[in-house]
Each structure stands twice: as C-alpha cells, then as structure tokens.
Amino acid sequence: MQNKSSEKQVKEWHVFSKKTAIILSVAIFIFVATLAVFVFPLNGKDSFNISNTNYDFFWVSKAIKLGLDVEGGMYAVYEADISVFESEEETESALEGTMSNLQSLLFNEGYTEATVTKQGRNQIRVEVPSIEDTEHLISLLGEPAVLEFKDSSGTVVIKGGEHLERATAMLYEGQYVISLKFNQLGTEAFAKATEANVGKTISININGEEVMAPTVNSVISDGNAIIQGNYTYQTANDMATKINAGTFAVKLSPISTASISPTLGQNALLYSIIAGAIGLFIIMIFLIIYYRGMGIAATIALFIYTIILMYLLALIPWVQLTLPSIAGIILSIGMAVDANVIIFERVKEEKRMGGLGKGISSSIQKGFSKGLPAIIDGNVTTILGSIVMIIFGATSIKSFGITLLIGIILSMFTAIIITKLLLNILLSFNSESEKFYALSFKEANNEKTK
C-alpha cells in the first residue's frame, strides 16, 4: 500500500517532449518576432506601401487613434434650449437626435474621431482631436443653424431637426450634387410638399435667410432627394455642411470653446510611454531575480502581452488613446503581473508542503489549479467595474474603462494560457533543478537528510 501511495504522490504533470518543445519554441519566437517588427516604424514614416498594390500598411503604433488630450485639438460645450419640450421623453429624444446629427456633421467634415457626449441635463460637449483647421471648425460648431424648407407661399413644409437626417455631397451622373435623406416623418412631409409643388420652387432657409430655391421636378416619395446645379465637390460639400448644421432638434448656444496644444499632449504621451517602459523593465527584472525560471516564463508572457495589446489598441474601433486610457493600460499590466505572482506563490506553497514527495512539475500544476480561482475572482470584479464605467461614465472614464477591460481580459489569457505553455516548454528541458525554478527549500532538504 505504501509503494502505491508513494507512486501516486510523485506523479508528475505531463510535459512536452523535447522535440515538441523545440518546435513550439521556434514557432512562438517567429510569431512574436513577426508581430513585433510591425509595431514601431522602421522607415521613419507612418506607413509603407505594400508592393505592387495601391494600399499602404500603417505601422501598428501609428494606427492607434489618439485622443484630444494626447494629440491636441479642441472642445466646445453647448447649452440646449429644452424649454419648448413638455415631457422628459421628448427632451431626451431631441437631445439624442441633436447629438447624432452633430456626430454625423463632424464625420462628414472628416473628423472621424470626434466625440459628442451629454453633460448634465441640457449640455452637449464636443471633442475633436487632431484639428488642422481649427478656425473653420469653431465657426462651424459655433453657429448651429435653424433649417426650414418653405414652399412658394412661404409655408414651412420641412423643419431640419424634425424631418431631415443628413445632407451629403456626392457624384451623380458625372456631376456633383447635394443628396438629402429624410427620416420617416420627413419622408411623408416631403412627399406631400413635392406633390403640391411640382414645377414650383421649395426654398431652403437657414436662420431665416434663403440659401437656395431648387425647382421640384417630380414627386419624391422615398425620402431621398437630389439637388442639382453647377457644383464642384467643394461647393456641394460646403452647402451640405450648412444644411446639416440646421438638422439639430434643439437650439444650441455655445457656452465655451477651447483648443488644446498638441505639444502638451505629445509630451504627456512621451512621458507616459517612458514611465511605462521603465516600470515594465523593472517588473521583468524583479520576476527573473525572485522567481528565476518561472520569472523567465512570466517575462516572456508579459512581452507577448504587450505586443498583442498594441495590436488590439490599433484594431478595436472604440479605443482612443487618452491619458486616462493610458492609465488603464498601465493598471492592466499590473494586473497581469499580479496574476503571475499569485500562481507562483501557490506553486512555492505546494512545493513547501509537499517536500521531497512532490516534484517540480506537479507543484506547478497544483499551483496553477489553486491560483486560478483567486485570479478569476479578482479579474471578474475588475471587468464588471470596467463595464459599468463604459456604460455610465463620462468620456474620459469610458476611455479608461475600455483599455482596462481589454487589458484585463488579455492579462487573464496570458497568465493562464501563455505562461502555463511556456513553463511546460521549460519543464521539457529542465524538470529537476529546484534552484532554477526558485523552489529549493529547507523543509525539503531536511526531509532528504532524514
């Protein structure tokens, strides 16, 4: 009975054969090295041309979208006149529609990374990073317009905020035109207006002034209209922009506007990167010194974590790198290290308790098994907190929550899967040296003496 019990006690965790471990090591090295090569620009530019194609590849670090406080730009705060609405539902609907139209207006102007958020009960904040023509944007956002379509008798048949979704410049039958798209209510109203005014003009008025008076050629019942004229792209786009500025469901009054120098943001980004790199280097040195072989596996996993995180930041569309989001990244790195420390301390505990009867690989196996619940519990609570911040937080809190959520999920993957895989590879080459894995203890030595 004693022999069988002893055999069961020293049963080791299955590890790879040396041949398999070598193949896996080479494959991981090639994969990680390939990913790492494309992170930072090697040609000093933002991108490079893909041979024999019309496409450019942007270096991963240059593809990460930067926020207002990092890249510079401007913000504007508006107060909405909600006194005309009787219920809270009407107010919320009008504000949501106005924010959506503002976002579309900025997108059509080329500011794809602009954010529009609600502040308090009746304020709207617009943030636009990386602005080249600041004066134009301030002029555009500083004068939200009242848009009305009037028939030949002066009757208002279309109200911008209630009926029109958007206006865009487009190429139609070889010439530039202004395309109008109406919502469901606007489609019905415009169909009636065009039916009653075929051969007549319907004027477009902004802030009470007529900007154009196109002639109705036919009944338009599908909610899509085209205004033709001798337009260039620029003149058509400028007119579409003016029309879009009048599609707000509420009247907006600018409270404050300010620009942020990109120099301040770039310095902040540079210092954040330097601080993060120094911190990461110190952590890696500590892991290697204190945990030795296990620390080497954790350090490689942490490097892989950093590379994959860079790609996720560039590929996930909701990520915009701001100073709060950088803080989320740094915190998630700390959580990744914390997960490894929990596992390694459990491994040490298993080796201490097992003494001579427990081998290195079985101690590592038990350490992972016992450390897993603590890691999951700690990370799940952080994930839930991140989700709450993303849903209910302000813009800066959302950016922090998004990067923290991405980092936490990735850190769990690297700690539980990648670190375990790397340790399995190391055990294939060395599963006997307690000193290499920092698992040499007096208790085990005393038991050997006995």
Protein backbone atom coordinates (compact mmCIF):
# COMPACT_ATOMS: atom_id res chain seq x y z
CA MET A 1 0.00 0.00 0.00
CA GLN A 2 2.86 2.38 0.84
CA ASN A 3 4.52 1.95 -2.57
CA LYS A 4 1.27 2.68 -4.47
CA SER A 5 0.62 5.75 -2.35
CA SER A 6 4.15 6.96 -2.94
CA GLU A 7 3.79 6.49 -6.72
CA LYS A 8 0.57 8.47 -6.71
CA GLN A 9 2.19 11.24 -4.68
CA VAL A 10 5.11 11.80 -7.04
CA LYS A 11 3.10 11.54 -10.25
CA GLU A 12 4.27 14.40 -12.43
CA TRP A 13 2.44 16.85 -14.68
CA HIS A 14 2.65 15.73 -18.29
CA VAL A 15 5.15 17.89 -20.20
CA PHE A 16 6.05 18.13 -23.87
CA SER A 17 8.75 16.00 -25.40
CA LYS A 18 11.96 17.89 -26.17
CA LYS A 19 11.24 17.73 -29.90
CA THR A 20 7.76 19.18 -29.44
CA ALA A 21 9.11 21.83 -27.07
CA ILE A 22 11.74 22.91 -29.61
CA ILE A 23 9.14 23.17 -32.39
CA LEU A 24 6.80 25.19 -30.17
CA SER A 25 9.64 27.48 -29.06
CA VAL A 26 10.65 28.23 -32.63
CA ALA A 27 7.04 28.77 -33.70
CA ILE A 28 6.36 31.16 -30.79
CA PHE A 29 9.58 33.07 -31.47
CA ILE A 30 8.80 33.50 -35.17
CA PHE A 31 5.20 34.53 -34.45
CA VAL A 32 6.10 37.08 -31.76
CA ALA A 33 9.08 38.45 -33.70
CA THR A 34 6.90 38.93 -36.79
CA LEU A 35 4.29 40.81 -34.76
CA ALA A 36 6.95 42.93 -33.05
CA VAL A 37 8.55 44.01 -36.34
CA PHE A 38 5.40 45.84 -37.45
CA VAL A 39 4.72 47.70 -34.19
CA PHE A 40 7.08 50.67 -34.48
CA PRO A 41 8.01 52.43 -37.76
CA LEU A 42 11.30 51.26 -39.20
CA ASN A 43 11.26 53.74 -42.09
CA GLY A 44 10.57 56.86 -40.01
CA LYS A 45 7.11 57.29 -41.57
CA ASP A 46 3.55 56.47 -40.56
CA SER A 47 3.16 53.76 -43.22
CA PHE A 48 4.77 51.96 -46.13
CA ASN A 49 3.43 50.89 -49.49
CA ILE A 50 2.53 47.23 -49.97
CA SER A 51 4.47 46.08 -53.02
CA ASN A 52 2.61 46.10 -56.35
CA THR A 53 -0.60 47.42 -54.79
CA ASN A 54 -2.29 50.75 -54.17
CA TYR A 55 -2.52 50.06 -50.44
CA ASP A 56 -0.41 51.36 -47.58
CA PHE A 57 0.27 49.49 -44.35
CA PHE A 58 0.24 51.68 -41.27
CA TRP A 59 2.66 50.75 -38.53
CA VAL A 60 0.68 49.48 -35.54
CA SER A 61 1.80 52.25 -33.18
CA LYS A 62 0.78 54.86 -35.79
CA ALA A 63 -2.62 53.22 -36.34
CA ILE A 64 -3.65 53.71 -32.70
CA LYS A 65 -6.14 56.57 -32.53
CA LEU A 66 -5.06 59.37 -30.22
CA GLY A 67 -7.43 61.37 -28.07
CA LEU A 68 -7.83 65.07 -27.52
CA ASP A 69 -5.50 65.34 -24.53
CA VAL A 70 -2.72 63.43 -26.33
CA GLU A 71 -2.82 64.67 -29.90
CA GLY A 72 -4.29 68.08 -29.24
CA GLY A 73 -7.41 69.58 -30.75
CA MET A 74 -10.38 71.46 -29.37
CA TYR A 75 -13.57 71.07 -27.40
CA ALA A 76 -16.82 73.00 -27.29
CA VAL A 77 -19.66 72.94 -24.76
CA TYR A 78 -23.21 73.89 -25.81
CA GLU A 79 -26.34 74.53 -23.81
CA ALA A 80 -29.55 73.17 -25.33
CA ASP A 81 -32.82 75.07 -25.07
CA ILE A 82 -35.20 72.40 -23.72
CA SER A 83 -37.89 74.80 -22.54
CA VAL A 84 -40.03 74.02 -25.59
CA PHE A 85 -40.46 70.36 -24.61
CA GLU A 86 -43.22 69.29 -22.28
CA SER A 87 -42.05 65.82 -21.21
CA GLU A 88 -38.75 64.24 -20.25
CA GLU A 89 -39.10 61.72 -23.07
CA GLU A 90 -39.38 64.48 -25.70
CA THR A 91 -36.35 66.22 -24.19
CA GLU A 92 -34.21 63.08 -24.22
CA SER A 93 -35.28 62.21 -27.76
CA ALA A 94 -34.46 65.71 -29.03
CA LEU A 95 -31.05 65.72 -27.33
CA GLU A 96 -30.18 62.27 -28.66
CA GLY A 97 -31.17 63.34 -32.17
CA THR A 98 -29.11 66.52 -31.91
CA MET A 99 -26.05 64.60 -30.68
CA SER A 100 -26.43 62.10 -33.52
CA ASN A 101 -26.64 64.89 -36.09
CA LEU A 102 -23.64 66.65 -34.61
CA GLN A 103 -21.66 63.41 -34.84
CA SER A 104 -22.70 62.95 -38.48
CA LEU A 105 -21.82 66.56 -39.28
CA LEU A 106 -18.33 66.16 -37.85
CA PHE A 107 -17.84 62.80 -39.56
CA ASN A 108 -18.78 64.25 -42.93
CA GLU A 109 -16.30 67.06 -42.33
CA GLY A 110 -13.55 64.47 -41.90
CA TYR A 111 -13.34 64.48 -38.10
CA THR A 112 -13.94 60.75 -37.70
CA GLU A 113 -12.54 60.57 -34.17
CA ALA A 114 -14.72 63.36 -32.77
CA THR A 115 -16.86 62.52 -29.74
CA VAL A 116 -20.19 64.06 -28.76
CA THR A 117 -21.42 63.46 -25.22
CA LYS A 118 -24.10 64.75 -22.90
CA GLN A 119 -23.21 66.75 -19.80
CA GLY A 120 -25.73 67.22 -17.05
CA ARG A 121 -29.35 67.63 -18.13
CA ASN A 122 -29.09 70.05 -21.06
CA GLN A 123 -25.45 70.43 -22.11
CA ILE A 124 -23.61 68.80 -25.01
CA ARG A 125 -19.82 68.52 -25.17
CA VAL A 126 -18.00 68.11 -28.48
CA GLU A 127 -14.35 66.97 -28.52
CA VAL A 128 -12.36 66.88 -31.73
CA PRO A 129 -8.74 65.65 -31.71
CA SER A 130 -6.11 66.37 -34.34
CA ILE A 131 -7.59 69.50 -35.93
CA GLU A 132 -5.74 71.24 -38.74
CA ASP A 133 -8.33 73.91 -39.49
CA THR A 134 -9.39 74.99 -36.00
CA GLU A 135 -10.97 78.27 -37.06
CA HIS A 136 -13.21 76.55 -39.60
CA LEU A 137 -14.44 74.05 -37.03
CA ILE A 138 -15.09 76.69 -34.39
CA SER A 139 -17.06 78.65 -36.96
CA LEU A 140 -18.97 75.54 -37.98
CA LEU A 141 -19.87 74.42 -34.46
CA GLY A 142 -20.19 77.88 -33.04
CA GLU A 143 -23.26 78.73 -35.13
CA PRO A 144 -25.80 75.89 -35.04
CA ALA A 145 -28.48 76.91 -37.53
CA VAL A 146 -32.25 76.74 -37.83
CA LEU A 147 -33.16 74.97 -41.09
CA GLU A 148 -36.54 75.32 -42.82
CA PHE A 149 -37.90 74.32 -46.23
CA LYS A 150 -40.65 76.69 -47.46
CA ASP A 151 -42.98 76.41 -50.42
CA SER A 152 -43.70 79.29 -52.83
CA SER A 153 -46.34 80.69 -50.47
CA GLY A 154 -43.92 80.86 -47.57
CA THR A 155 -45.36 77.91 -45.65
CA VAL A 156 -42.81 75.83 -43.77
CA VAL A 157 -43.05 72.27 -45.12
CA ILE A 158 -39.85 70.79 -43.65
CA LYS A 159 -38.11 71.51 -40.35
CA GLY A 160 -34.49 70.42 -40.24
CA GLY A 161 -34.31 68.90 -36.78
CA GLU A 162 -37.63 67.08 -37.12
CA HIS A 163 -37.52 65.82 -40.69
CA LEU A 164 -34.05 65.79 -42.26
CA GLU A 165 -31.47 63.14 -41.35
CA ARG A 166 -28.49 64.39 -43.34
CA ALA A 167 -27.22 66.14 -46.43
CA THR A 168 -24.14 64.93 -48.31
CA ALA A 169 -22.16 65.87 -51.41
CA MET A 170 -21.98 63.06 -53.93
CA LEU A 171 -21.22 62.31 -57.57
CA TYR A 172 -24.35 61.65 -59.63
CA GLU A 173 -24.34 61.06 -63.40
CA GLY A 174 -20.95 62.69 -63.76
CA GLN A 175 -21.65 65.82 -61.72
CA TYR A 176 -21.58 66.75 -58.07
CA VAL A 177 -24.96 67.12 -56.37
CA ILE A 178 -26.37 67.58 -52.88
CA SER A 179 -28.15 64.49 -51.61
CA LEU A 180 -30.88 64.85 -48.96
CA LYS A 181 -32.12 61.96 -46.81
CA PHE A 182 -35.26 62.36 -44.71
CA ASN A 183 -36.45 60.34 -41.71
CA GLN A 184 -39.83 58.59 -41.72
CA LEU A 185 -41.76 61.69 -40.64
CA GLY A 186 -39.80 63.82 -43.09
CA THR A 187 -40.40 61.37 -45.94
CA GLU A 188 -44.15 61.76 -45.55
CA ALA A 189 -43.97 65.54 -45.21
CA PHE A 190 -41.64 65.95 -48.20
CA ALA A 191 -43.80 63.68 -50.37
CA LYS A 192 -46.82 65.90 -49.71
CA ALA A 193 -44.78 69.07 -50.28
CA THR A 194 -43.34 67.92 -53.61
CA GLU A 195 -46.70 66.64 -54.80
CA ALA A 196 -48.25 70.05 -54.17
CA ASN A 197 -45.33 71.97 -55.71
CA VAL A 198 -44.34 70.15 -58.92
CA GLY A 199 -42.89 72.77 -61.27
CA LYS A 200 -42.53 75.24 -58.43
CA THR A 201 -39.68 76.04 -56.08
CA ILE A 202 -39.13 74.97 -52.48
CA SER A 203 -36.67 77.32 -50.83
CA ILE A 204 -34.12 76.21 -48.26
CA ASN A 205 -33.69 78.74 -45.46
CA ILE A 206 -31.04 78.83 -42.75
CA ASN A 207 -31.62 81.18 -39.83
CA GLY A 208 -34.42 82.84 -41.81
CA GLU A 209 -32.27 83.53 -44.87
CA GLU A 210 -32.78 81.79 -48.20
CA VAL A 211 -29.66 79.94 -49.35
CA MET A 212 -31.16 78.19 -52.40
CA ALA A 213 -34.51 77.59 -54.10
CA PRO A 214 -34.43 74.42 -56.21
CA THR A 215 -37.33 73.58 -58.52
CA VAL A 216 -39.39 70.45 -57.88
CA ASN A 217 -39.30 68.27 -60.99
CA SER A 218 -41.37 65.36 -59.68
CA VAL A 219 -42.99 63.88 -56.59
CA ILE A 220 -40.37 62.45 -54.21
CA SER A 221 -41.89 59.78 -52.00
CA ASP A 222 -38.92 57.60 -50.98
CA GLY A 223 -37.25 60.11 -48.63
CA ASN A 224 -34.23 60.69 -50.89
CA ALA A 225 -33.82 63.87 -52.93
CA ILE A 226 -31.06 65.29 -55.14
CA ILE A 227 -30.36 68.98 -55.70
CA GLN A 228 -28.56 69.56 -58.99
CA GLY A 229 -26.59 72.60 -60.05
CA ASN A 230 -23.19 73.66 -61.31
CA TYR A 231 -21.44 72.38 -58.20
CA THR A 232 -17.86 71.44 -57.61
CA TYR A 233 -17.22 68.98 -54.81
CA GLN A 234 -16.18 71.83 -52.52
CA THR A 235 -19.25 73.99 -53.17
CA ALA A 236 -21.59 70.99 -52.84
CA ASN A 237 -19.90 69.89 -49.62
CA ASP A 238 -19.99 73.41 -48.15
CA MET A 239 -23.72 73.68 -48.85
CA ALA A 240 -24.35 70.21 -47.42
CA THR A 241 -22.46 71.23 -44.30
CA LYS A 242 -24.61 74.35 -43.90
CA ILE A 243 -27.77 72.27 -44.27
CA ASN A 244 -26.54 69.67 -41.77
CA ALA A 245 -25.85 72.43 -39.26
CA GLY A 246 -29.59 73.07 -39.25
CA THR A 247 -30.66 69.50 -38.52
CA PHE A 248 -30.44 69.83 -34.75
CA ALA A 249 -33.66 69.07 -32.90
CA VAL A 250 -32.91 71.70 -30.23
CA LYS A 251 -31.45 75.17 -30.35
CA LEU A 252 -27.84 75.21 -29.15
CA SER A 253 -25.98 78.09 -27.56
CA PRO A 254 -22.18 77.82 -27.20
CA ILE A 255 -21.02 78.20 -23.59
CA SER A 256 -17.30 77.69 -24.05
CA THR A 257 -14.78 76.60 -26.64
CA ALA A 258 -11.08 76.00 -26.19
CA SER A 259 -8.19 74.49 -28.09
CA ILE A 260 -5.50 72.23 -26.65
CA SER A 261 -1.96 72.46 -27.91
CA PRO A 262 -0.70 69.18 -29.37
CA THR A 263 2.70 69.90 -27.83
CA LEU A 264 1.25 69.39 -24.35
CA GLY A 265 -0.38 66.13 -25.39
CA GLN A 266 2.71 64.80 -27.16
CA ASN A 267 4.87 65.50 -24.12
CA ALA A 268 2.35 63.77 -21.88
CA LEU A 269 2.29 60.76 -24.22
CA LEU A 270 6.08 60.62 -24.40
CA TYR A 271 6.48 60.77 -20.62
CA SER A 272 3.75 58.15 -20.16
CA ILE A 273 5.49 55.77 -22.60
CA ILE A 274 8.85 56.31 -20.88
CA ALA A 275 7.32 55.73 -17.43
CA GLY A 276 5.50 52.61 -18.63
CA ALA A 277 8.64 51.19 -20.28
CA ILE A 278 10.76 51.79 -17.16
CA GLY A 279 8.11 50.23 -14.94
CA LEU A 280 7.77 47.21 -17.23
CA PHE A 281 11.55 46.72 -17.31
CA ILE A 282 11.81 46.85 -13.50
CA ILE A 283 8.95 44.37 -13.14
CA MET A 284 10.61 41.95 -15.57
CA ILE A 285 13.93 42.15 -13.71
CA PHE A 286 12.17 41.52 -10.39
CA LEU A 287 10.31 38.49 -11.76
CA ILE A 288 13.50 36.94 -13.12
CA ILE A 289 15.52 37.56 -9.93
CA TYR A 290 12.84 36.42 -7.50
CA TYR A 291 11.21 33.57 -9.42
CA ARG A 292 14.08 32.61 -11.76
CA GLY A 293 12.80 30.05 -14.30
CA MET A 294 9.17 30.82 -13.56
CA GLY A 295 10.05 34.52 -13.81
CA ILE A 296 11.59 33.98 -17.24
CA ALA A 297 8.35 32.40 -18.45
CA ALA A 298 6.33 35.27 -16.94
CA THR A 299 8.62 37.88 -18.53
CA ILE A 300 8.25 36.34 -21.99
CA ALA A 301 4.48 36.13 -21.46
CA LEU A 302 4.45 39.79 -20.39
CA PHE A 303 6.33 40.76 -23.55
CA ILE A 304 3.82 38.80 -25.67
CA TYR A 305 1.02 40.50 -23.73
CA THR A 306 2.44 43.94 -24.58
CA ILE A 307 2.77 43.15 -28.30
CA ILE A 308 -0.76 41.74 -28.60
CA LEU A 309 -2.15 44.68 -26.61
CA MET A 310 -0.63 47.11 -29.13
CA TYR A 311 -2.43 45.33 -31.97
CA LEU A 312 -5.74 45.31 -30.08
CA LEU A 313 -5.47 49.04 -29.37
CA ALA A 314 -4.96 49.66 -33.08
CA LEU A 315 -7.68 47.29 -34.32
CA ILE A 316 -10.56 47.81 -31.88
CA PRO A 317 -12.57 50.79 -33.19
CA TRP A 318 -13.73 52.11 -29.79
CA VAL A 319 -10.20 52.66 -28.49
CA GLN A 320 -8.91 56.21 -28.43
CA LEU A 321 -5.66 56.71 -26.59
CA THR A 322 -6.06 59.40 -23.94
CA LEU A 323 -4.21 59.97 -20.67
CA PRO A 324 -6.95 58.12 -18.69
CA SER A 325 -6.83 55.23 -21.17
CA ILE A 326 -3.04 55.05 -20.77
CA ALA A 327 -3.64 54.74 -17.03
CA GLY A 328 -6.00 51.84 -17.78
CA ILE A 329 -3.28 50.13 -19.82
CA ILE A 330 -0.69 50.51 -17.06
CA LEU A 331 -3.14 49.21 -14.45
CA SER A 332 -3.93 46.17 -16.62
CA ILE A 333 -0.19 45.42 -16.90
CA GLY A 334 -0.05 45.46 -13.11
CA MET A 335 -2.97 43.02 -13.02
CA ALA A 336 -1.15 40.74 -15.46
CA VAL A 337 1.90 40.67 -13.17
CA ASP A 338 -0.33 40.15 -10.14
CA ALA A 339 -1.86 37.03 -11.73
CA ASN A 340 1.58 35.52 -12.28
CA VAL A 341 2.67 36.32 -8.72
CA ILE A 342 -0.45 34.61 -7.31
CA ILE A 343 0.26 31.48 -9.33
CA PHE A 344 3.96 31.39 -8.48
CA GLU A 345 3.32 31.82 -4.75
CA ARG A 346 0.83 28.95 -4.89
CA VAL A 347 3.49 26.86 -6.64
CA LYS A 348 6.00 27.66 -3.88
CA GLU A 349 3.44 26.80 -1.24
CA GLU A 350 2.74 23.45 -2.88
CA LYS A 351 6.46 22.65 -3.02
CA ARG A 352 6.95 23.58 0.64
CA MET A 353 4.01 21.46 1.74
CA GLY A 354 4.96 18.53 -0.48
CA GLY A 355 8.66 18.40 0.40
CA LEU A 356 10.52 15.51 -1.15
CA GLY A 357 7.34 13.75 -2.24
CA LYS A 358 6.29 16.39 -4.72
CA GLY A 359 8.16 17.15 -7.93
CA ILE A 360 8.53 20.48 -9.68
CA SER A 361 6.02 19.83 -12.45
CA SER A 362 3.31 18.57 -10.07
CA SER A 363 3.89 21.60 -7.81
CA ILE A 364 3.43 23.90 -10.81
CA GLN A 365 0.29 22.02 -11.82
CA LYS A 366 -1.22 22.34 -8.35
CA GLY A 367 -0.13 25.97 -8.11
CA PHE A 368 -1.99 26.83 -11.31
CA SER A 369 -5.08 24.91 -10.17
CA LYS A 370 -5.23 26.60 -6.78
CA GLY A 371 -4.29 30.06 -8.05
CA LEU A 372 -6.91 30.06 -10.82
CA PRO A 373 -9.99 30.79 -8.64
CA ALA A 374 -8.31 33.80 -6.99
CA ILE A 375 -7.24 35.18 -10.38
CA ILE A 376 -10.72 34.74 -11.87
CA ASP A 377 -12.46 36.30 -8.86
CA GLY A 378 -10.15 39.32 -8.81
CA ASN A 379 -10.31 39.91 -12.55
CA VAL A 380 -14.07 39.37 -12.91
CA THR A 381 -14.79 42.11 -10.36
CA THR A 382 -12.46 44.44 -12.29
CA ILE A 383 -14.15 43.50 -15.57
CA LEU A 384 -17.58 44.31 -14.10
CA GLY A 385 -16.26 47.65 -12.87
CA SER A 386 -14.88 48.40 -16.33
CA ILE A 387 -18.23 47.61 -17.97
CA VAL A 388 -20.03 49.94 -15.54
CA MET A 389 -17.54 52.73 -16.36
CA ILE A 390 -18.01 52.18 -20.10
CA ILE A 391 -21.81 52.29 -19.87
CA PHE A 392 -22.33 55.09 -17.36
CA GLY A 393 -19.06 57.05 -17.28
CA ALA A 394 -18.14 60.33 -18.94
CA THR A 395 -15.86 60.32 -21.99
CA SER A 396 -12.58 60.19 -20.07
CA ILE A 397 -13.94 57.46 -17.77
CA LYS A 398 -15.15 55.45 -20.77
CA SER A 399 -11.69 55.53 -22.37
CA PHE A 400 -10.15 54.34 -19.08
CA GLY A 401 -12.73 51.55 -18.81
CA ILE A 402 -12.27 50.36 -22.41
CA THR A 403 -8.49 49.96 -22.22
CA LEU A 404 -8.72 48.44 -18.74
CA LEU A 405 -11.29 45.90 -19.95
CA ILE A 406 -9.15 44.94 -22.95
CA GLY A 407 -6.03 44.69 -20.81
CA ILE A 408 -7.66 42.61 -18.08
CA ILE A 409 -9.11 40.04 -20.48
CA LEU A 410 -5.77 39.79 -22.28
CA SER A 411 -3.86 39.52 -18.98
CA MET A 412 -6.01 36.58 -17.90
CA PHE A 413 -5.29 34.88 -21.22
CA THR A 414 -1.52 35.39 -21.00
CA ALA A 415 -1.28 34.42 -17.30
CA ILE A 416 -3.43 31.30 -17.56
CA ILE A 417 -2.58 30.09 -21.09
CA ILE A 418 0.70 31.63 -22.29
CA THR A 419 2.65 31.42 -19.01
CA LYS A 420 1.49 27.84 -18.49
CA LEU A 421 2.54 26.92 -22.05
CA LEU A 422 5.98 28.50 -21.59
CA LEU A 423 6.52 26.72 -18.26
CA ASN A 424 5.57 23.45 -19.91
CA ILE A 425 8.23 24.09 -22.55
CA LEU A 426 10.86 24.90 -19.90
CA LEU A 427 9.98 21.74 -17.96
CA SER A 428 10.65 19.73 -21.11
CA PHE A 429 14.31 20.80 -20.89
CA ASN A 430 14.68 21.03 -17.14
CA SER A 431 12.27 19.43 -14.67
CA GLU A 432 14.75 18.56 -11.92
CA SER A 433 16.53 21.75 -10.85
CA GLU A 434 14.73 23.25 -7.86
CA LYS A 435 17.12 26.21 -7.81
CA PHE A 436 16.30 27.12 -11.42
CA TYR A 437 12.60 27.44 -10.52
CA ALA A 438 13.32 29.04 -7.10
CA LEU A 439 11.75 26.02 -5.38
CA SER A 440 14.63 24.91 -3.18
CA PHE A 441 13.51 24.98 0.47
CA LYS A 442 14.98 23.95 3.82
CA GLU A 443 11.98 21.74 4.55
CA ALA A 444 12.71 19.61 1.51
CA ASN A 445 16.43 19.45 2.35
CA ASN A 446 15.70 18.42 5.95
CA GLU A 447 13.43 15.64 4.74
CA LYS A 448 16.18 14.42 2.41
CA THR A 449 18.58 14.27 5.40
CA LYS A 450 16.10 12.25 7.45
